[in-house]
Amino acid sequence: MTVTRAPEAHNGTSSHLAQSVIRGLQAVGGFLLAAATFVSALTGLIALITSR
């Protein structure tokens, strides 16, 4: 417990900032992935409709 919490206590502000940045990047990445999936599904649907 003490060993793992030592780096956090040493520079708590920078590690907290890094964690929030990483969480933000993960959220943005997840959103971009969902948007890309939605766009590809939408284009596939449009291609299916127009090919008839």
PDB file of N, CA and C in Angstrom:
ATOM      1  N   MET A   1       0.831  -1.201   0.000  1.00  0.00           N
ATOM      2  CA  MET A   1       0.000   0.000   0.000  1.00  0.00           C
ATOM      3  C   MET A   1       0.873   1.263   0.000  1.00  0.00           C
ATOM      4  N   THR A   2       1.859   1.272   0.940  1.00  0.00           N
ATOM      5  CA  THR A   2       2.706   2.460   1.059  1.00  0.00           C
ATOM      6  C   THR A   2       3.578   2.636  -0.186  1.00  0.00           C
ATOM      7  N   VAL A   3       4.037   1.517  -0.757  1.00  0.00           N
ATOM      8  CA  VAL A   3       4.927   1.584  -1.913  1.00  0.00           C
ATOM      9  C   VAL A   3       4.168   2.079  -3.145  1.00  0.00           C
ATOM     10  N   THR A   4       2.933   1.601  -3.311  1.00  0.00           N
ATOM     11  CA  THR A   4       2.174   1.989  -4.494  1.00  0.00           C
ATOM     12  C   THR A   4       1.698   3.436  -4.410  1.00  0.00           C
ATOM     13  N   ARG A   5       1.457   3.930  -3.171  1.00  0.00           N
ATOM     14  CA  ARG A   5       0.948   5.282  -3.016  1.00  0.00           C
ATOM     15  C   ARG A   5       2.069   6.314  -2.900  1.00  0.00           C
ATOM     16  N   ALA A   6       3.299   5.866  -2.852  1.00  0.00           N
ATOM     17  CA  ALA A   6       4.411   6.799  -2.718  1.00  0.00           C
ATOM     18  C   ALA A   6       4.573   7.717  -3.937  1.00  0.00           C
ATOM     19  N   PRO A   7       4.519   7.221  -5.176  1.00  0.00           N
ATOM     20  CA  PRO A   7       4.635   8.127  -6.326  1.00  0.00           C
ATOM     21  C   PRO A   7       3.488   9.140  -6.381  1.00  0.00           C
ATOM     22  N   GLU A   8       2.282   8.713  -5.990  1.00  0.00           N
ATOM     23  CA  GLU A   8       1.147   9.629  -5.987  1.00  0.00           C
ATOM     24  C   GLU A   8       1.359  10.762  -4.988  1.00  0.00           C
ATOM     25  N   ALA A   9       1.866  10.401  -3.807  1.00  0.00           N
ATOM     26  CA  ALA A   9       2.108  11.412  -2.783  1.00  0.00           C
ATOM     27  C   ALA A   9       3.268  12.321  -3.195  1.00  0.00           C
ATOM     28  N   HIS A  10       4.211  11.778  -3.959  1.00  0.00           N
ATOM     29  CA  HIS A  10       5.374  12.556  -4.376  1.00  0.00           C
ATOM     30  C   HIS A  10       4.964  13.666  -5.346  1.00  0.00           C
ATOM     31  N   ASN A  11       4.247  13.310  -6.410  1.00  0.00           N
ATOM     32  CA  ASN A  11       3.764  14.328  -7.348  1.00  0.00           C
ATOM     33  C   ASN A  11       2.280  14.055  -7.634  1.00  0.00           C
ATOM     34  N   GLY A  12       1.441  14.415  -6.681  1.00  0.00           N
ATOM     35  CA  GLY A  12       0.017  14.118  -6.794  1.00  0.00           C
ATOM     36  C   GLY A  12      -0.648  14.910  -7.903  1.00  0.00           C
ATOM     37  N   THR A  13      -0.211  16.172  -8.114  1.00  0.00           N
ATOM     38  CA  THR A  13      -0.884  17.023  -9.090  1.00  0.00           C
ATOM     39  C   THR A  13      -0.645  16.526 -10.509  1.00  0.00           C
ATOM     40  N   SER A  14       0.599  16.209 -10.841  1.00  0.00           N
ATOM     41  CA  SER A  14       0.914  15.803 -12.209  1.00  0.00           C
ATOM     42  C   SER A  14       0.311  14.442 -12.539  1.00  0.00           C
ATOM     43  N   SER A  15       0.323  13.511 -11.563  1.00  0.00           N
ATOM     44  CA  SER A  15      -0.243  12.189 -11.824  1.00  0.00           C
ATOM     45  C   SER A  15      -1.762  12.282 -11.963  1.00  0.00           C
ATOM     46  N   HIS A  16      -2.385  13.156 -11.169  1.00  0.00           N
ATOM     47  CA  HIS A  16      -3.830  13.350 -11.285  1.00  0.00           C
ATOM     48  C   HIS A  16      -4.164  13.957 -12.642  1.00  0.00           C
ATOM     49  N   LEU A  17      -3.345  14.915 -13.070  1.00  0.00           N
ATOM     50  CA  LEU A  17      -3.545  15.541 -14.377  1.00  0.00           C
ATOM     51  C   LEU A  17      -3.375  14.521 -15.487  1.00  0.00           C
ATOM     52  N   ALA A  18      -2.348  13.676 -15.370  1.00  0.00           N
ATOM     53  CA  ALA A  18      -2.115  12.643 -16.384  1.00  0.00           C
ATOM     54  C   ALA A  18      -3.281  11.663 -16.434  1.00  0.00           C
ATOM     55  N   GLN A  19      -3.816  11.293 -15.267  1.00  0.00           N
ATOM     56  CA  GLN A  19      -4.947  10.368 -15.232  1.00  0.00           C
ATOM     57  C   GLN A  19      -6.168  10.979 -15.900  1.00  0.00           C
ATOM     58  N   SER A  20      -6.433  12.264 -15.639  1.00  0.00           N
ATOM     59  CA  SER A  20      -7.594  12.907 -16.250  1.00  0.00           C
ATOM     60  C   SER A  20      -7.400  13.055 -17.755  1.00  0.00           C
ATOM     61  N   VAL A  21      -6.169  13.337 -18.184  1.00  0.00           N
ATOM     62  CA  VAL A  21      -5.881  13.427 -19.619  1.00  0.00           C
ATOM     63  C   VAL A  21      -6.094  12.078 -20.289  1.00  0.00           C
ATOM     64  N   ILE A  22      -5.618  11.004 -19.636  1.00  0.00           N
ATOM     65  CA  ILE A  22      -5.783   9.653 -20.185  1.00  0.00           C
ATOM     66  C   ILE A  22      -7.262   9.294 -20.261  1.00  0.00           C
ATOM     67  N   ARG A  23      -8.026   9.640 -19.215  1.00  0.00           N
ATOM     68  CA  ARG A  23      -9.467   9.363 -19.236  1.00  0.00           C
ATOM     69  C   ARG A  23     -10.145  10.141 -20.350  1.00  0.00           C
ATOM     70  N   GLY A  24      -9.731  11.391 -20.544  1.00  0.00           N
ATOM     71  CA  GLY A  24     -10.299  12.202 -21.615  1.00  0.00           C
ATOM     72  C   GLY A  24      -9.996  11.616 -22.978  1.00  0.00           C
ATOM     73  N   LEU A  25      -8.759  11.159 -23.170  1.00  0.00           N
ATOM     74  CA  LEU A  25      -8.379  10.544 -24.444  1.00  0.00           C
ATOM     75  C   LEU A  25      -9.156   9.261 -24.682  1.00  0.00           C
ATOM     76  N   GLN A  26      -9.361   8.484 -23.622  1.00  0.00           N
ATOM     77  CA  GLN A  26     -10.140   7.252 -23.756  1.00  0.00           C
ATOM     78  C   GLN A  26     -11.582   7.568 -24.135  1.00  0.00           C
ATOM     79  N   ALA A  27     -12.150   8.618 -23.535  1.00  0.00           N
ATOM     80  CA  ALA A  27     -13.525   9.008 -23.850  1.00  0.00           C
ATOM     81  C   ALA A  27     -13.625   9.473 -25.296  1.00  0.00           C
ATOM     82  N   VAL A  28     -12.659  10.293 -25.728  1.00  0.00           N
ATOM     83  CA  VAL A  28     -12.646  10.776 -27.111  1.00  0.00           C
ATOM     84  C   VAL A  28     -12.461   9.614 -28.077  1.00  0.00           C
ATOM     85  N   GLY A  29     -11.566   8.687 -27.742  1.00  0.00           N
ATOM     86  CA  GLY A  29     -11.339   7.520 -28.591  1.00  0.00           C
ATOM     87  C   GLY A  29     -12.577   6.654 -28.709  1.00  0.00           C
ATOM     88  N   GLY A  30     -13.261   6.452 -27.590  1.00  0.00           N
ATOM     89  CA  GLY A  30     -14.492   5.672 -27.616  1.00  0.00           C
ATOM     90  C   GLY A  30     -15.567   6.352 -28.442  1.00  0.00           C
ATOM     91  N   PHE A  31     -15.657   7.681 -28.321  1.00  0.00           N
ATOM     92  CA  PHE A  31     -16.645   8.431 -29.095  1.00  0.00           C
ATOM     93  C   PHE A  31     -16.326   8.361 -30.584  1.00  0.00           C
ATOM     94  N   LEU A  32     -15.047   8.518 -30.942  1.00  0.00           N
ATOM     95  CA  LEU A  32     -14.643   8.442 -32.350  1.00  0.00           C
ATOM     96  C   LEU A  32     -14.907   7.054 -32.912  1.00  0.00           C
ATOM     97  N   LEU A  33     -14.659   6.026 -32.111  1.00  0.00           N
ATOM     98  CA  LEU A  33     -14.908   4.656 -32.548  1.00  0.00           C
ATOM     99  C   LEU A  33     -16.394   4.433 -32.796  1.00  0.00           C
ATOM    100  N   ALA A  34     -17.232   4.927 -31.878  1.00  0.00           N
ATOM    101  CA  ALA A  34     -18.680   4.792 -32.047  1.00  0.00           C
ATOM    102  C   ALA A  34     -19.155   5.578 -33.264  1.00  0.00           C
ATOM    103  N   ALA A  35     -18.612   6.778 -33.464  1.00  0.00           N
ATOM    104  CA  ALA A  35     -18.996   7.598 -34.610  1.00  0.00           C
ATOM    105  C   ALA A  35     -18.580   6.930 -35.916  1.00  0.00           C
ATOM    106  N   ALA A  36     -17.378   6.362 -35.957  1.00  0.00           N
ATOM    107  CA  ALA A  36     -16.911   5.683 -37.167  1.00  0.00           C
ATOM    108  C   ALA A  36     -17.772   4.461 -37.469  1.00  0.00           C
ATOM    109  N   THR A  37     -18.141   3.720 -36.433  1.00  0.00           N
ATOM    110  CA  THR A  37     -19.012   2.555 -36.619  1.00  0.00           C
ATOM    111  C   THR A  37     -20.373   2.982 -37.146  1.00  0.00           C
ATOM    112  N   PHE A  38     -20.921   4.057 -36.587  1.00  0.00           N
ATOM    113  CA  PHE A  38     -22.220   4.565 -37.018  1.00  0.00           C
ATOM    114  C   PHE A  38     -22.166   5.033 -38.470  1.00  0.00           C
ATOM    115  N   VAL A  39     -21.102   5.763 -38.822  1.00  0.00           N
ATOM    116  CA  VAL A  39     -20.963   6.276 -40.190  1.00  0.00           C
ATOM    117  C   VAL A  39     -20.821   5.130 -41.184  1.00  0.00           C
ATOM    118  N   SER A  40     -20.030   4.124 -40.843  1.00  0.00           N
ATOM    119  CA  SER A  40     -19.849   2.991 -41.757  1.00  0.00           C
ATOM    120  C   SER A  40     -21.149   2.216 -41.921  1.00  0.00           C
ATOM    121  N   ALA A  41     -21.896   2.055 -40.829  1.00  0.00           N
ATOM    122  CA  ALA A  41     -23.192   1.375 -40.917  1.00  0.00           C
ATOM    123  C   ALA A  41     -24.166   2.193 -41.752  1.00  0.00           C
ATOM    124  N   LEU A  42     -24.131   3.503 -41.590  1.00  0.00           N
ATOM    125  CA  LEU A  42     -25.023   4.388 -42.339  1.00  0.00           C
ATOM    126  C   LEU A  42     -24.696   4.352 -43.828  1.00  0.00           C
ATOM    127  N   THR A  43     -23.417   4.404 -44.169  1.00  0.00           N
ATOM    128  CA  THR A  43     -23.035   4.355 -45.582  1.00  0.00           C
ATOM    129  C   THR A  43     -23.379   2.999 -46.187  1.00  0.00           C
ATOM    130  N   GLY A  44     -23.223   1.936 -45.405  1.00  0.00           N
ATOM    131  CA  GLY A  44     -23.611   0.607 -45.883  1.00  0.00           C
ATOM    132  C   GLY A  44     -25.102   0.532 -46.141  1.00  0.00           C
ATOM    133  N   LEU A  45     -25.892   1.130 -45.269  1.00  0.00           N
ATOM    134  CA  LEU A  45     -27.345   1.152 -45.433  1.00  0.00           C
ATOM    135  C   LEU A  45     -27.739   1.961 -46.662  1.00  0.00           C
ATOM    136  N   ILE A  46     -27.096   3.115 -46.848  1.00  0.00           N
ATOM    137  CA  ILE A  46     -27.383   3.962 -48.013  1.00  0.00           C
ATOM    138  C   ILE A  46     -27.013   3.228 -49.296  1.00  0.00           C
ATOM    139  N   ALA A  47     -25.874   2.549 -49.301  1.00  0.00           N
ATOM    140  CA  ALA A  47     -25.454   1.793 -50.480  1.00  0.00           C
ATOM    141  C   ALA A  47     -26.442   0.669 -50.769  1.00  0.00           C
ATOM    142  N   LEU A  48     -26.965   0.047 -49.726  1.00  0.00           N
ATOM    143  CA  LEU A  48     -27.939  -1.027 -49.898  1.00  0.00           C
ATOM    144  C   LEU A  48     -29.237  -0.489 -50.497  1.00  0.00           C
ATOM    145  N   ILE A  49     -29.661   0.683 -50.025  1.00  0.00           N
ATOM    146  CA  ILE A  49     -30.907   1.279 -50.521  1.00  0.00           C
ATOM    147  C   ILE A  49     -30.743   1.735 -51.973  1.00  0.00           C
ATOM    148  N   THR A  50     -29.637   2.379 -52.285  1.00  0.00           N
ATOM    149  CA  THR A  50     -29.455   2.931 -53.628  1.00  0.00           C
ATOM    150  C   THR A  50     -29.164   1.842 -54.656  1.00  0.00           C
ATOM    151  N   SER A  51     -28.692   0.676 -54.217  1.00  0.00           N
ATOM    152  CA  SER A  51     -28.362  -0.386 -55.173  1.00  0.00           C
ATOM    153  C   SER A  51     -29.613  -1.101 -55.677  1.00  0.00           C
ATOM    154  N   ARG A  52     -30.734  -0.924 -55.021  1.00  0.00           N
ATOM    155  CA  ARG A  52     -31.964  -1.607 -55.433  1.00  0.00           C
ATOM    156  C   ARG A  52     -32.506  -1.032 -56.732  1.00  0.00           C
TER     157      ARG A  52
END
